[in-house]
Amino acid sequence: MDTIWQPTLAEHIKPKYKAVVASIKEGIEVGALPKGGKLPPVRELAWTLGITPGTVARAYTILTESGALKAEVGRGTFVAERAPVMLVDKPIEIDAIPHGTDRADDSHSISLFSPHLPAVGQDLLARRLLAQIAQDPPSGIMHYPSRSGAQPAREAVVRWLAGTPLGALSERDIVLSHGGQNGLQLIFQSILHGRKPTILIEELAYPGFRRAAELLRADVVPVAMDADGVIPEALEEAASANEAQLFCTSPEVHNPTGSFTPVARREALVEVARRCNFEIVEDDCYRMQVDRAPTYRMLAPERGWYVSSLAKTLTPALRIGFAIAPQGKTSALRKVAEYNCFGLATPMIDLCAALLSHEDVDHVANEARKVLNRYVQAAVNILGGFDVVWRTNVPFLWLRLPLGWRAGAFCQAAEAAGVQIRSAEEFVCRDARAPHAVRLAVNAGVSLDRFEVALQRVRDLLDNPPDQIGV
């Protein structure tokens, strides 16, 4: 670096990335960093200052976004030619970003098949961070992922999960995965043993449980439920009869019904697990940073496994997830992840660290939740006269169909009307009887007006059932 700038960190400025920002700003203001001058690579400056590369990368990102610096792919980071208005804590302008602007606004068909988050700034933030990482990846680009190299990302995940009742947790407990489904697969491989293991699931359950089990040639046994979740007596009977090794559940936001398992019921299920000696795997991907009850990892620290991802809070496109083992079992989970794929690609590890530690990420997630809840309220306003189950902060509704409709026929009629929805049949085992119900996902990727049009089409079908009840 051909400058006289000597980087220092002011002790009174916290956190450290803000101290790096202040140091660079001061260098620009006094002329030690001239216009067009090249800054040190992220890792070099991090070594000089005795801090992590992720901290320097975050400071560079803030200053690049404010216009103080300019990143050039393949060349490095330079002081901008024009003096910017430098705002260290400048947030993303949420109100300036249009909600629900998709590329299919002129299409008749509207998908309510899977939840779709609104773009409220997370897309812009991810693109900016990817550009910064591309020109100078903190983890490098010429070697395998390593556990030490992923430490900033794991620390960022711990920060992201702050407030989630998980019990004792440190970055050493986090295992990064390629999304929540991959996290489930890693956990299953860590637990299951024997020639034909058995997995217990809720009688209405996320289909990914069955798919992960099928890949491992495991038997799947559904367990009866009531309004509070799986019935303890039914769970004990199924576990004893099948020598089950694990039980999969989504107690905070049950998929597909949206129901919630109270603490007392969770505690009763933990006692069953201890008597019958099986593990509990909790899929918590739909918890949108709003906590109501302790996880099974907290209630049963010796047998509670946890998996979540960014798919329902920020975006599903990045495929960033995280799995957490019970106390004393992290090494087994870590080994499975390393044997599977050596870990996430290093640029994605860097993106995870930068994204989840960014000062704007909580604001963006909160804004996404607010917009999503406006869509939920619109759905309730249109469908509230029917037997529909909904909750704030949950991106789908569970609709029990009125007399005259069966789930399969209703989904076909909805698709003919240009609306794609999921039948209850997709959430039960193949030989089980499905209720006459459907799941309607919130698609905040389309405008609110288009979303309401889709729901009105569904409402028209509910108001006009067929003359003959299907058999």
Protein backbone atom coordinates (compact mmCIF):
# COMPACT_ATOMS: atom_id res chain seq x y z
CA MET A 1 0.00 0.00 0.00
CA ASP A 2 1.57 3.24 -1.19
CA THR A 3 0.29 5.52 1.58
CA ILE A 4 1.51 6.90 4.88
CA TRP A 5 -1.62 5.68 6.67
CA GLN A 6 -0.96 3.80 9.89
CA PRO A 7 -4.15 2.04 11.02
CA THR A 8 -5.03 2.19 14.72
CA LEU A 9 -8.12 1.27 16.72
CA ALA A 10 -9.60 3.71 19.21
CA GLU A 11 -10.25 1.79 22.42
CA HIS A 12 -13.34 3.83 23.29
CA ILE A 13 -15.18 2.91 20.07
CA LYS A 14 -17.18 -0.32 20.30
CA PRO A 15 -17.77 -2.65 18.53
CA LYS A 16 -14.47 -3.10 16.72
CA TYR A 17 -15.80 -2.80 13.19
CA LYS A 18 -16.93 0.75 14.02
CA ALA A 19 -13.43 1.51 15.27
CA VAL A 20 -12.04 0.30 11.92
CA VAL A 21 -14.54 2.51 10.10
CA ALA A 22 -13.52 5.50 12.24
CA SER A 23 -9.82 4.84 11.59
CA ILE A 24 -10.32 4.71 7.82
CA LYS A 25 -12.51 7.83 7.85
CA GLU A 26 -9.85 9.69 9.81
CA GLY A 27 -7.18 8.56 7.33
CA ILE A 28 -9.26 9.89 4.45
CA GLU A 29 -10.00 13.19 6.18
CA VAL A 30 -6.35 13.96 7.03
CA GLY A 31 -5.10 12.88 3.62
CA ALA A 32 -3.18 9.81 4.77
CA LEU A 33 -5.52 7.81 2.55
CA PRO A 34 -5.68 9.87 -0.68
CA LYS A 35 -8.42 9.59 -3.27
CA GLY A 36 -7.81 6.53 -5.39
CA GLY A 37 -5.45 5.05 -2.80
CA LYS A 38 -5.62 1.30 -2.33
CA LEU A 39 -6.42 -0.15 1.07
CA PRO A 40 -4.79 -3.31 2.43
CA PRO A 41 -6.48 -6.67 1.72
CA VAL A 42 -8.92 -7.73 4.42
CA ARG A 43 -6.72 -10.43 5.90
CA GLU A 44 -3.62 -8.22 5.91
CA LEU A 45 -5.35 -5.39 7.77
CA ALA A 46 -6.95 -7.87 10.16
CA TRP A 47 -3.50 -9.28 10.97
CA THR A 48 -2.08 -5.80 11.49
CA LEU A 49 -4.87 -4.80 13.87
CA GLY A 50 -5.14 -8.15 15.63
CA ILE A 51 -8.83 -8.65 14.81
CA THR A 52 -10.84 -11.10 12.69
CA PRO A 53 -11.09 -10.75 8.89
CA GLY A 54 -14.88 -10.64 9.23
CA THR A 55 -14.60 -7.46 11.33
CA VAL A 56 -12.51 -5.73 8.67
CA ALA A 57 -14.77 -7.00 5.88
CA ARG A 58 -17.80 -5.54 7.65
CA ALA A 59 -16.08 -2.14 7.99
CA TYR A 60 -15.13 -2.19 4.30
CA THR A 61 -18.73 -3.05 3.38
CA ILE A 62 -20.14 -0.14 5.39
CA LEU A 63 -17.73 2.32 3.87
CA THR A 64 -18.29 0.95 0.36
CA GLU A 65 -22.05 1.25 0.74
CA SER A 66 -21.71 4.83 2.00
CA GLY A 67 -19.49 5.73 -0.96
CA ALA A 68 -16.28 6.33 0.98
CA LEU A 69 -14.59 3.31 -0.61
CA LYS A 70 -14.90 1.61 -3.96
CA ALA A 71 -14.49 -2.15 -4.44
CA GLU A 72 -13.14 -3.35 -7.78
CA VAL A 73 -13.37 -7.04 -8.55
CA GLY A 74 -9.92 -8.57 -8.91
CA ARG A 75 -8.11 -5.38 -7.92
CA GLY A 76 -9.06 -4.57 -4.34
CA THR A 77 -10.62 -1.75 -2.33
CA PHE A 78 -9.83 1.90 -3.02
CA VAL A 79 -10.67 5.31 -1.58
CA ALA A 80 -13.47 6.80 -3.68
CA GLU A 81 -12.60 9.70 -5.97
CA ARG A 82 -15.53 11.79 -4.73
CA ALA A 83 -16.12 12.71 -1.11
CA PRO A 84 -19.22 10.86 0.15
CA VAL A 85 -21.72 11.59 2.84
CA MET A 86 -20.46 9.00 5.30
CA LEU A 87 -23.01 7.54 7.66
CA VAL A 88 -21.60 4.63 9.60
CA ASP A 89 -24.95 3.40 10.84
CA LYS A 90 -26.95 4.22 7.73
CA PRO A 91 -29.78 1.67 7.48
CA ILE A 92 -31.18 0.25 4.30
CA GLU A 93 -34.04 2.42 3.10
CA ILE A 94 -36.85 -0.06 3.64
CA ASP A 95 -39.70 2.25 2.62
CA ALA A 96 -38.03 2.89 -0.73
CA ILE A 97 -38.12 -0.79 -1.63
CA PRO A 98 -41.40 -1.95 -3.24
CA HIS A 99 -42.99 -4.92 -1.48
CA GLY A 100 -44.15 -7.94 -3.42
CA THR A 101 -42.70 -7.03 -6.80
CA ASP A 102 -42.32 -10.30 -8.65
CA ARG A 103 -41.71 -11.04 -12.30
CA ALA A 104 -45.11 -12.60 -12.85
CA ASP A 105 -47.50 -9.75 -12.13
CA ASP A 106 -49.12 -10.28 -15.52
CA SER A 107 -49.64 -14.00 -14.91
CA HIS A 108 -53.05 -15.46 -14.12
CA SER A 109 -51.62 -18.20 -11.92
CA ILE A 110 -50.66 -17.40 -8.32
CA SER A 111 -48.78 -19.90 -6.16
CA LEU A 112 -49.75 -20.31 -2.51
CA PHE A 113 -47.87 -23.60 -2.48
CA SER A 114 -44.85 -22.51 -0.40
CA PRO A 115 -44.26 -19.37 1.72
CA HIS A 116 -42.52 -16.51 -0.04
CA LEU A 117 -40.95 -13.68 1.93
CA PRO A 118 -41.20 -10.06 0.82
CA ALA A 119 -38.07 -8.36 -0.49
CA VAL A 120 -37.56 -5.57 2.04
CA GLY A 121 -33.82 -5.06 1.77
CA GLN A 122 -32.34 -8.49 2.43
CA ASP A 123 -31.81 -8.95 -1.31
CA LEU A 124 -29.89 -5.69 -1.62
CA LEU A 125 -27.89 -6.44 1.50
CA ALA A 126 -26.95 -9.92 0.29
CA ARG A 127 -25.87 -8.60 -3.11
CA ARG A 128 -23.68 -5.92 -1.56
CA LEU A 129 -22.04 -8.37 0.79
CA LEU A 130 -21.49 -10.89 -2.01
CA ALA A 131 -19.78 -8.20 -4.07
CA GLN A 132 -17.53 -7.32 -1.15
CA ILE A 133 -16.68 -10.96 -0.50
CA ALA A 134 -16.01 -11.63 -4.18
CA GLN A 135 -13.26 -9.01 -4.41
CA ASP A 136 -11.47 -10.11 -1.23
CA PRO A 137 -12.88 -13.26 0.47
CA PRO A 138 -11.92 -13.29 4.17
CA SER A 139 -11.70 -17.11 4.07
CA GLY A 140 -9.74 -17.19 0.84
CA ILE A 141 -10.63 -19.04 -2.33
CA MET A 142 -7.94 -21.69 -2.80
CA HIS A 143 -8.39 -24.16 0.02
CA TYR A 144 -10.93 -26.48 1.61
CA PRO A 145 -13.35 -25.08 4.20
CA SER A 146 -12.00 -25.41 7.71
CA ARG A 147 -13.55 -25.38 11.14
CA SER A 148 -11.36 -22.48 12.27
CA GLY A 149 -12.19 -20.52 9.14
CA ALA A 150 -15.91 -20.91 9.81
CA GLN A 151 -15.69 -19.60 13.38
CA PRO A 152 -16.89 -16.06 12.50
CA ALA A 153 -19.94 -17.57 10.79
CA ARG A 154 -20.75 -19.77 13.78
CA GLU A 155 -20.36 -16.77 16.09
CA ALA A 156 -22.76 -14.85 13.86
CA VAL A 157 -25.28 -17.71 14.09
CA VAL A 158 -25.08 -17.61 17.90
CA ARG A 159 -25.81 -13.90 17.74
CA TRP A 160 -28.70 -14.54 15.34
CA LEU A 161 -30.17 -17.12 17.73
CA ALA A 162 -29.82 -14.85 20.77
CA GLY A 163 -33.06 -15.04 22.73
CA THR A 164 -34.06 -18.43 21.36
CA PRO A 165 -34.39 -20.68 24.43
CA LEU A 166 -31.77 -23.28 23.52
CA GLY A 167 -29.96 -23.71 26.81
CA ALA A 168 -26.18 -23.38 27.05
CA LEU A 169 -24.87 -22.48 23.61
CA SER A 170 -21.55 -21.38 22.09
CA GLU A 171 -20.16 -21.20 18.57
CA ARG A 172 -18.59 -24.63 19.11
CA ASP A 173 -22.09 -26.14 19.21
CA ILE A 174 -23.09 -24.81 15.77
CA VAL A 175 -22.80 -27.02 12.69
CA LEU A 176 -23.50 -25.18 9.44
CA SER A 177 -25.64 -26.95 6.85
CA HIS A 178 -26.95 -26.41 3.34
CA GLY A 179 -30.36 -25.29 4.58
CA GLY A 180 -32.73 -26.81 7.11
CA GLN A 181 -33.46 -29.99 5.16
CA ASN A 182 -29.77 -30.81 4.94
CA GLY A 183 -29.52 -30.09 8.67
CA LEU A 184 -32.20 -32.72 9.31
CA GLN A 185 -30.34 -35.21 7.15
CA LEU A 186 -27.11 -34.62 9.09
CA ILE A 187 -28.90 -35.11 12.40
CA PHE A 188 -30.58 -38.32 11.22
CA GLN A 189 -27.24 -39.71 10.10
CA SER A 190 -25.76 -38.83 13.50
CA ILE A 191 -28.47 -40.72 15.39
CA LEU A 192 -29.76 -43.66 13.37
CA HIS A 193 -28.11 -47.06 13.57
CA GLY A 194 -28.98 -50.67 12.81
CA ARG A 195 -30.39 -52.32 9.71
CA LYS A 196 -33.91 -50.83 9.84
CA PRO A 197 -34.26 -47.92 12.27
CA THR A 198 -37.62 -46.33 13.07
CA ILE A 199 -38.50 -42.65 13.17
CA LEU A 200 -41.65 -41.28 14.82
CA ILE A 201 -43.39 -38.25 13.34
CA GLU A 202 -46.62 -36.34 13.97
CA GLU A 203 -49.59 -37.77 12.04
CA LEU A 204 -49.68 -34.48 10.15
CA ALA A 205 -46.07 -33.49 9.57
CA TYR A 206 -43.59 -31.64 7.40
CA PRO A 207 -42.93 -33.96 4.40
CA GLY A 208 -39.19 -33.38 4.70
CA PHE A 209 -39.12 -35.67 7.75
CA ARG A 210 -40.33 -38.59 5.63
CA ARG A 211 -38.02 -37.75 2.73
CA ALA A 212 -34.95 -37.64 4.96
CA ALA A 213 -35.97 -40.96 6.53
CA GLU A 214 -36.50 -42.59 3.14
CA LEU A 215 -32.99 -41.65 2.03
CA LEU A 216 -31.65 -43.55 5.04
CA ARG A 217 -34.04 -46.50 4.52
CA ALA A 218 -35.70 -45.90 7.86
CA ASP A 219 -39.28 -46.79 8.74
CA VAL A 220 -41.60 -43.89 9.56
CA VAL A 221 -44.42 -44.27 12.08
CA PRO A 222 -47.03 -41.50 12.51
CA VAL A 223 -48.27 -40.68 16.02
CA ALA A 224 -51.75 -39.41 16.91
CA MET A 225 -52.21 -35.73 17.75
CA ASP A 226 -54.69 -33.41 19.39
CA ALA A 227 -54.89 -29.61 19.44
CA ASP A 228 -51.73 -29.38 21.61
CA GLY A 229 -49.56 -31.67 19.51
CA VAL A 230 -48.59 -35.32 19.79
CA ILE A 231 -50.45 -37.23 22.52
CA PRO A 232 -47.94 -38.54 25.12
CA GLU A 233 -49.66 -41.91 25.56
CA ALA A 234 -49.71 -42.48 21.81
CA LEU A 235 -46.05 -41.54 21.56
CA GLU A 236 -45.07 -43.99 24.28
CA GLU A 237 -47.06 -46.79 22.68
CA ALA A 238 -45.52 -46.17 19.25
CA ALA A 239 -41.99 -45.87 20.66
CA SER A 240 -42.27 -49.10 22.65
CA ALA A 241 -43.84 -51.08 19.84
CA ASN A 242 -41.28 -50.00 17.24
CA GLU A 243 -38.09 -49.50 19.26
CA ALA A 244 -37.97 -45.99 17.86
CA GLN A 245 -34.66 -44.13 17.82
CA LEU A 246 -35.96 -40.59 17.34
CA PHE A 247 -39.07 -38.44 17.27
CA CYS A 248 -39.37 -35.49 14.85
CA THR A 249 -41.55 -32.53 15.72
CA SER A 250 -42.22 -28.84 15.09
CA PRO A 251 -43.65 -27.65 18.41
CA GLU A 252 -43.30 -23.88 18.01
CA VAL A 253 -44.96 -23.56 14.61
CA HIS A 254 -46.46 -26.86 13.55
CA ASN A 255 -46.36 -27.45 9.83
CA PRO A 256 -49.01 -27.63 8.34
CA THR A 257 -51.61 -26.68 10.96
CA GLY A 258 -49.81 -23.69 12.53
CA SER A 259 -50.60 -24.98 16.02
CA PHE A 260 -48.39 -24.54 19.10
CA THR A 261 -47.35 -27.17 21.65
CA PRO A 262 -47.63 -25.79 25.21
CA VAL A 263 -44.79 -26.21 27.68
CA ALA A 264 -46.67 -28.74 29.81
CA ARG A 265 -47.19 -31.00 26.79
CA ARG A 266 -43.55 -30.66 25.77
CA GLU A 267 -42.45 -31.67 29.25
CA ALA A 268 -44.74 -34.72 29.14
CA LEU A 269 -43.24 -35.77 25.79
CA VAL A 270 -39.73 -35.36 27.19
CA GLU A 271 -40.57 -37.78 30.00
CA VAL A 272 -41.76 -40.31 27.42
CA ALA A 273 -38.51 -39.89 25.49
CA ARG A 274 -36.50 -40.52 28.64
CA ARG A 275 -38.48 -43.62 29.59
CA CYS A 276 -38.26 -45.08 26.09
CA ASN A 277 -34.76 -43.74 25.40
CA PHE A 278 -35.17 -42.01 22.04
CA GLU A 279 -33.89 -38.67 20.74
CA ILE A 280 -36.05 -35.62 19.96
CA VAL A 281 -35.37 -33.68 16.76
CA GLU A 282 -36.94 -30.22 16.60
CA ASP A 283 -37.44 -28.47 13.27
CA ASP A 284 -37.68 -24.78 14.15
CA CYS A 285 -37.35 -23.22 10.70
CA TYR A 286 -40.65 -21.33 11.01
CA ARG A 287 -39.80 -19.56 14.27
CA MET A 288 -39.48 -15.97 13.03
CA GLN A 289 -37.37 -14.68 15.92
CA VAL A 290 -40.46 -14.60 18.13
CA ASP A 291 -40.18 -16.96 21.09
CA ARG A 292 -42.98 -18.49 23.13
CA ALA A 293 -41.62 -21.63 24.77
CA PRO A 294 -38.31 -23.41 25.44
CA THR A 295 -36.94 -25.72 22.79
CA TYR A 296 -36.46 -29.43 23.42
CA ARG A 297 -32.73 -28.80 23.56
CA MET A 298 -33.37 -26.73 26.68
CA LEU A 299 -35.98 -29.05 28.15
CA ALA A 300 -33.96 -32.20 27.44
CA PRO A 301 -30.33 -31.14 27.05
CA GLU A 302 -29.17 -34.75 26.86
CA ARG A 303 -31.39 -35.70 23.88
CA GLY A 304 -32.79 -32.55 22.26
CA TRP A 305 -31.54 -31.80 18.71
CA TYR A 306 -32.33 -28.54 16.92
CA VAL A 307 -32.34 -27.41 13.30
CA SER A 308 -33.22 -24.07 11.71
CA SER A 309 -32.27 -21.92 8.72
CA LEU A 310 -32.59 -18.51 7.11
CA ALA A 311 -35.25 -19.68 4.65
CA LYS A 312 -38.27 -18.35 6.54
CA THR A 313 -36.67 -15.25 8.05
CA LEU A 314 -34.43 -13.80 5.32
CA THR A 315 -34.36 -15.87 2.12
CA PRO A 316 -34.39 -19.55 1.10
CA ALA A 317 -32.06 -18.90 -1.85
CA LEU A 318 -28.83 -18.90 0.15
CA ARG A 319 -29.36 -22.40 1.59
CA ILE A 320 -27.80 -21.47 4.92
CA GLY A 321 -28.93 -23.61 7.83
CA PHE A 322 -27.62 -24.74 11.18
CA ALA A 323 -27.95 -27.89 13.25
CA ILE A 324 -27.27 -28.12 16.98
CA ALA A 325 -26.71 -31.34 18.90
CA PRO A 326 -27.49 -32.09 22.56
CA GLN A 327 -24.75 -31.62 25.10
CA GLY A 328 -21.91 -34.05 24.53
CA LYS A 329 -22.98 -35.10 21.01
CA THR A 330 -21.65 -32.24 18.89
CA SER A 331 -18.58 -34.17 17.73
CA ALA A 332 -20.76 -36.85 16.12
CA LEU A 333 -22.81 -34.23 14.26
CA ARG A 334 -19.67 -32.36 13.19
CA LYS A 335 -18.10 -35.56 11.89
CA VAL A 336 -21.16 -36.37 9.77
CA ALA A 337 -21.14 -32.87 8.26
CA GLU A 338 -17.45 -33.07 7.41
CA TYR A 339 -17.74 -36.56 5.95
CA ASN A 340 -20.71 -35.48 3.82
CA CYS A 341 -19.31 -32.41 2.07
CA PHE A 342 -16.38 -30.91 4.05
CA GLY A 343 -18.68 -28.00 4.97
CA LEU A 344 -20.18 -25.01 3.22
CA ALA A 345 -18.27 -23.31 0.42
CA THR A 346 -15.97 -20.66 1.85
CA PRO A 347 -17.73 -17.73 0.11
CA MET A 348 -21.02 -18.85 1.67
CA ILE A 349 -19.34 -19.13 5.07
CA ASP A 350 -18.10 -15.57 4.65
CA LEU A 351 -21.55 -14.42 3.56
CA CYS A 352 -23.15 -16.08 6.58
CA ALA A 353 -20.72 -14.29 8.89
CA ALA A 354 -21.17 -10.92 7.21
CA LEU A 355 -24.95 -11.15 6.82
CA LEU A 356 -25.87 -12.35 10.31
CA SER A 357 -23.53 -9.89 12.01
CA HIS A 358 -24.57 -6.91 9.88
CA GLU A 359 -26.11 -4.00 11.74
CA ASP A 360 -29.15 -3.93 9.44
CA VAL A 361 -30.09 -7.62 9.47
CA ASP A 362 -32.41 -7.51 12.49
CA HIS A 363 -34.19 -4.47 11.08
CA VAL A 364 -34.68 -6.24 7.76
CA ALA A 365 -36.00 -9.42 9.41
CA ASN A 366 -38.42 -7.40 11.54
CA GLU A 367 -39.65 -5.50 8.50
CA ALA A 368 -40.18 -8.76 6.59
CA ARG A 369 -42.26 -10.06 9.47
CA LYS A 370 -44.37 -6.89 9.54
CA VAL A 371 -45.08 -7.08 5.82
CA LEU A 372 -45.86 -10.78 6.03
CA ASN A 373 -48.35 -10.15 8.82
CA ARG A 374 -50.18 -7.66 6.63
CA TYR A 375 -50.68 -10.48 4.14
CA VAL A 376 -51.83 -12.82 6.91
CA GLN A 377 -54.38 -10.25 8.05
CA ALA A 378 -55.66 -9.86 4.48
CA ALA A 379 -56.11 -13.63 4.28
CA VAL A 380 -58.04 -13.72 7.55
CA ASN A 381 -60.28 -10.88 6.39
CA ILE A 382 -61.24 -12.86 3.29
CA LEU A 383 -61.39 -16.39 4.72
CA GLY A 384 -62.27 -15.69 8.35
CA GLY A 385 -65.84 -16.91 7.93
CA PHE A 386 -64.60 -20.45 7.38
CA ASP A 387 -62.78 -22.95 9.63
CA VAL A 388 -59.31 -21.49 9.21
CA VAL A 389 -56.39 -21.68 11.66
CA TRP A 390 -53.91 -18.81 11.56
CA ARG A 391 -51.34 -17.04 13.73
CA THR A 392 -49.36 -13.87 13.43
CA ASN A 393 -45.74 -14.44 12.41
CA VAL A 394 -46.68 -17.70 10.67
CA PRO A 395 -46.57 -17.61 6.85
CA PHE A 396 -49.37 -20.08 6.15
CA LEU A 397 -52.98 -20.84 7.09
CA TRP A 398 -54.68 -24.20 7.65
CA LEU A 399 -58.17 -24.37 6.14
CA ARG A 400 -60.59 -27.16 7.06
CA LEU A 401 -62.91 -27.54 4.11
CA PRO A 402 -66.70 -27.22 4.39
CA LEU A 403 -69.08 -30.06 3.56
CA GLY A 404 -69.05 -30.81 -0.14
CA TRP A 405 -65.30 -30.51 -0.66
CA ARG A 406 -62.51 -33.05 -0.38
CA ALA A 407 -58.92 -31.87 -0.31
CA GLY A 408 -57.80 -33.34 -3.64
CA ALA A 409 -60.82 -32.06 -5.55
CA PHE A 410 -60.54 -28.64 -3.93
CA CYS A 411 -56.86 -28.30 -4.91
CA GLN A 412 -57.70 -29.27 -8.49
CA ALA A 413 -60.51 -26.70 -8.61
CA ALA A 414 -58.22 -24.04 -7.12
CA GLU A 415 -55.51 -24.78 -9.67
CA ALA A 416 -58.07 -24.51 -12.47
CA ALA A 417 -58.90 -21.07 -11.03
CA GLY A 418 -55.23 -20.11 -11.10
CA VAL A 419 -54.28 -20.74 -7.45
CA GLN A 420 -51.84 -23.46 -6.35
CA ILE A 421 -52.26 -24.77 -2.80
CA ARG A 422 -51.23 -27.87 -0.84
CA SER A 423 -53.59 -30.67 0.05
CA ALA A 424 -53.54 -32.26 3.52
CA GLU A 425 -52.63 -35.50 1.75
CA GLU A 426 -49.08 -34.20 1.28
CA PHE A 427 -48.57 -34.03 5.06
CA VAL A 428 -49.56 -37.60 5.96
CA CYS A 429 -47.90 -40.97 5.41
CA ARG A 430 -48.90 -42.81 2.25
CA ASP A 431 -51.26 -45.27 3.91
CA ALA A 432 -52.82 -42.76 6.33
CA ARG A 433 -56.18 -41.03 5.98
CA ALA A 434 -55.89 -37.30 5.40
CA PRO A 435 -58.37 -34.74 6.77
CA HIS A 436 -60.41 -32.62 4.39
CA ALA A 437 -58.12 -29.62 4.69
CA VAL A 438 -55.58 -27.58 2.74
CA ARG A 439 -52.62 -25.36 3.55
CA LEU A 440 -52.49 -21.86 2.07
CA ALA A 441 -49.00 -20.34 2.11
CA VAL A 442 -48.47 -16.59 2.27
CA ASN A 443 -46.88 -15.40 -0.95
CA ALA A 444 -45.52 -11.95 -0.15
CA GLY A 445 -43.45 -12.09 -3.33
CA VAL A 446 -46.50 -10.85 -5.24
CA SER A 447 -48.31 -7.60 -4.57
CA LEU A 448 -50.89 -7.55 -1.80
CA ASP A 449 -53.59 -6.89 -4.40
CA ARG A 450 -52.67 -10.03 -6.35
CA PHE A 451 -52.52 -12.04 -3.15
CA GLU A 452 -56.03 -10.88 -2.26
CA VAL A 453 -57.23 -11.80 -5.75
CA ALA A 454 -55.94 -15.35 -5.21
CA LEU A 455 -57.69 -15.64 -1.86
CA GLN A 456 -60.92 -14.32 -3.31
CA ARG A 457 -60.78 -17.11 -5.89
CA VAL A 458 -60.39 -19.58 -3.03
CA ARG A 459 -63.29 -17.90 -1.23
CA ASP A 460 -65.49 -18.26 -4.32
CA LEU A 461 -64.83 -22.00 -4.36
CA LEU A 462 -65.66 -22.30 -0.65
CA ASP A 463 -68.90 -20.39 -1.19
CA ASN A 464 -69.89 -22.70 -4.04
CA PRO A 465 -69.17 -26.35 -3.20
CA PRO A 466 -69.96 -29.01 -5.83
CA ASP A 467 -73.45 -30.47 -5.87
CA GLN A 468 -72.12 -33.99 -5.41
CA ILE A 469 -69.78 -34.88 -2.57
CA GLY A 470 -66.80 -36.83 -3.89
CA VAL A 471 -66.25 -40.39 -2.76
